[in-house]
């Protein structure tokens, strides 16, 4: 997992590349509750690399690891948001054995992102989860964002 964060940091820190849009890295944590068999409270980490055009939606890639009670999910996704966001992508879940799946998450917010997540798994029961992300967007390239004047 550490290597993924290093690669994302390397991509956006290259000096000779200039993005036309604003670029952000957003590290964060995830606190949630998963329903159903083997359900319970869950915790995780997430890192996103997002791009924002001046008059368009925010889009990017997400890398996440979360889990509880000995089961961990590794997730890579694409996200798109313009107030209410959608993030989708493949997931590998591991507890007794590894299972492949597909995750879709609906979210909204700024810094605190309430979410609902549905994960389809091939071998194990599908998962429903609610919770919140706590993320800090760090601008790494492009015209600075200001809140006034």
Protein backbone atom coordinates (compact mmCIF):
# COMPACT_ATOMS: atom_id res chain seq x y z
CA UNK A 1 0.00 0.00 0.00
CA UNK A 2 2.85 2.38 0.78
CA UNK A 3 4.17 2.02 -2.77
CA UNK A 4 0.85 3.27 -4.18
CA UNK A 5 1.05 6.46 -2.10
CA UNK A 6 4.67 6.97 -3.20
CA UNK A 7 3.73 6.55 -6.87
CA UNK A 8 0.83 9.04 -6.58
CA UNK A 9 3.13 11.54 -4.87
CA UNK A 10 5.80 11.08 -7.55
CA UNK A 11 3.32 11.61 -10.40
CA UNK A 12 2.10 14.97 -9.15
CA UNK A 13 5.50 16.24 -8.02
CA UNK A 14 7.28 16.00 -11.38
CA UNK A 15 8.57 19.52 -12.15
CA UNK A 16 8.37 19.44 -15.95
CA UNK A 17 4.66 18.57 -16.20
CA UNK A 18 2.06 21.32 -15.97
CA UNK A 19 -1.58 20.38 -15.65
CA UNK A 20 -4.17 22.69 -17.25
CA UNK A 21 -6.50 22.17 -14.30
CA UNK A 22 -6.14 22.31 -10.53
CA UNK A 23 -4.69 19.11 -9.10
CA UNK A 24 -5.26 17.81 -5.56
CA UNK A 25 -4.06 14.92 -3.41
CA UNK A 26 -6.59 14.08 -0.70
CA UNK A 27 -5.47 11.71 2.06
CA UNK A 28 -8.12 10.58 4.49
CA UNK A 29 -9.62 8.06 6.83
CA UNK A 30 -12.90 6.17 6.59
CA UNK A 31 -15.19 5.34 9.50
CA UNK A 32 -18.24 3.23 8.75
CA UNK A 33 -20.59 0.42 9.55
CA UNK A 34 -21.11 -2.65 7.38
CA UNK A 35 -24.46 -4.46 7.50
CA UNK A 36 -25.18 -8.17 7.15
CA UNK A 37 -23.26 -11.33 7.92
CA UNK A 38 -19.88 -10.57 9.52
CA UNK A 39 -20.97 -6.91 9.72
CA UNK A 40 -19.77 -4.33 12.16
CA UNK A 41 -17.77 -1.14 12.43
CA UNK A 42 -15.05 -0.64 9.85
CA UNK A 43 -12.04 1.63 9.52
CA UNK A 44 -9.85 2.45 6.55
CA UNK A 45 -7.50 4.77 4.72
CA UNK A 46 -7.99 6.38 1.33
CA UNK A 47 -5.91 8.52 -1.02
CA UNK A 48 -7.31 10.27 -4.07
CA UNK A 49 -5.66 12.18 -6.89
CA UNK A 50 -8.24 14.57 -8.37
CA UNK A 51 -8.42 17.17 -11.12
CA UNK A 52 -10.76 20.15 -11.29
CA UNK A 53 -11.40 22.32 -14.32
CA UNK A 54 -12.57 25.85 -13.57
CA UNK A 55 -16.18 25.21 -14.65
CA UNK A 56 -16.49 21.45 -14.56
CA UNK A 57 -16.80 18.47 -12.27
CA UNK A 58 -14.00 17.08 -10.11
CA UNK A 59 -12.68 13.73 -11.35
CA UNK A 60 -9.84 11.42 -10.40
CA UNK A 61 -8.54 8.11 -9.10
CA UNK A 62 -8.85 6.57 -5.63
CA UNK A 63 -6.79 3.95 -3.77
CA UNK A 64 -8.27 2.59 -0.54
CA UNK A 65 -7.72 -0.07 2.12
CA UNK A 66 -10.32 -0.77 4.76
CA UNK A 67 -11.41 -3.59 6.99
CA UNK A 68 -12.43 -4.99 10.32
CA UNK A 69 -12.44 -8.28 12.23
CA UNK A 70 -9.58 -9.73 10.18
CA UNK A 71 -11.04 -8.96 6.73
CA UNK A 72 -9.47 -6.32 4.52
CA UNK A 73 -10.63 -4.79 1.24
CA UNK A 74 -8.20 -3.33 -1.30
CA UNK A 75 -9.86 -0.98 -3.75
CA UNK A 76 -8.93 1.06 -6.83
CA UNK A 77 -11.56 3.35 -8.30
CA UNK A 78 -12.50 6.28 -10.52
CA UNK A 79 -14.50 9.14 -9.09
CA UNK A 80 -16.59 11.99 -10.44
CA UNK A 81 -18.32 14.68 -8.38
CA UNK A 82 -20.13 17.96 -8.81
CA UNK A 83 -21.72 18.20 -5.36
CA UNK A 84 -22.89 14.59 -5.16
CA UNK A 85 -20.19 12.13 -6.18
CA UNK A 86 -19.91 8.61 -7.52
CA UNK A 87 -16.85 6.39 -7.22
CA UNK A 88 -16.63 2.95 -8.86
CA UNK A 89 -13.99 0.28 -9.36
CA UNK A 90 -12.69 -3.22 -8.59
CA UNK A 91 -12.16 -4.54 -5.06
CA UNK A 92 -10.19 -7.48 -3.69
CA UNK A 93 -11.45 -8.72 -0.34
CA UNK A 94 -9.47 -11.06 1.89
CA UNK A 95 -10.30 -12.91 5.07
CA UNK A 96 -10.29 -16.69 4.63
CA UNK A 97 -9.47 -16.50 0.93
CA UNK A 98 -9.41 -13.73 -1.64
CA UNK A 99 -12.56 -12.68 -3.44
CA UNK A 100 -12.95 -10.29 -6.39
CA UNK A 101 -15.69 -7.74 -6.52
CA UNK A 102 -16.87 -4.36 -7.73
CA UNK A 103 -17.61 -1.38 -5.48
CA UNK A 104 -19.86 1.65 -6.07
CA UNK A 105 -19.91 4.51 -3.56
CA UNK A 106 -22.17 7.58 -3.48
CA UNK A 107 -20.86 10.51 -1.40
CA UNK A 108 -21.19 14.24 -0.79
CA UNK A 109 -19.50 16.88 1.33
CA UNK A 110 -16.29 18.81 1.88
CA UNK A 111 -13.73 17.52 4.44
CA UNK A 112 -16.50 15.31 5.95
CA UNK A 113 -18.01 13.09 3.26
CA UNK A 114 -21.02 10.97 4.28
CA UNK A 115 -21.26 7.92 2.02
CA UNK A 116 -23.20 4.79 1.09
CA UNK A 117 -21.19 1.94 -0.44
CA UNK A 118 -22.38 -1.22 -2.20
CA UNK A 119 -19.88 -3.97 -3.00
CA UNK A 120 -20.72 -6.93 -5.24
CA UNK A 121 -18.53 -9.96 -4.43
CA UNK A 122 -18.17 -13.10 -6.57
CA UNK A 123 -17.96 -15.71 -3.78
CA UNK A 124 -19.04 -14.00 -0.57
CA UNK A 125 -22.23 -12.07 0.31
CA UNK A 126 -22.58 -8.60 -1.15
CA UNK A 127 -21.79 -5.75 1.24
CA UNK A 128 -23.74 -2.61 2.22
CA UNK A 129 -21.92 0.07 4.17
CA UNK A 130 -22.57 3.60 5.45
CA UNK A 131 -20.23 6.03 7.13
CA UNK A 132 -18.07 9.07 6.58
CA UNK A 133 -14.74 9.92 5.02
CA UNK A 134 -12.59 12.57 6.68
CA UNK A 135 -10.33 13.93 3.93
CA UNK A 136 -8.05 16.92 3.49
CA UNK A 137 -7.65 18.14 -0.11
CA UNK A 138 -4.10 19.41 -0.67
CA UNK A 139 -3.62 21.44 -3.85
CA UNK A 140 -0.41 20.47 -5.62
CA UNK A 141 -0.74 22.20 -9.01
CA UNK A 142 -2.76 24.80 -10.92
CA UNK A 143 -4.27 28.19 -10.15
CA UNK A 144 -4.83 28.64 -6.44
CA UNK A 145 -8.34 28.24 -5.07
CA UNK A 146 -9.59 31.19 -2.97
CA UNK A 147 -12.75 31.55 -0.96
CA UNK A 148 -13.22 35.24 -1.65
CA UNK A 149 -12.01 38.42 -3.32
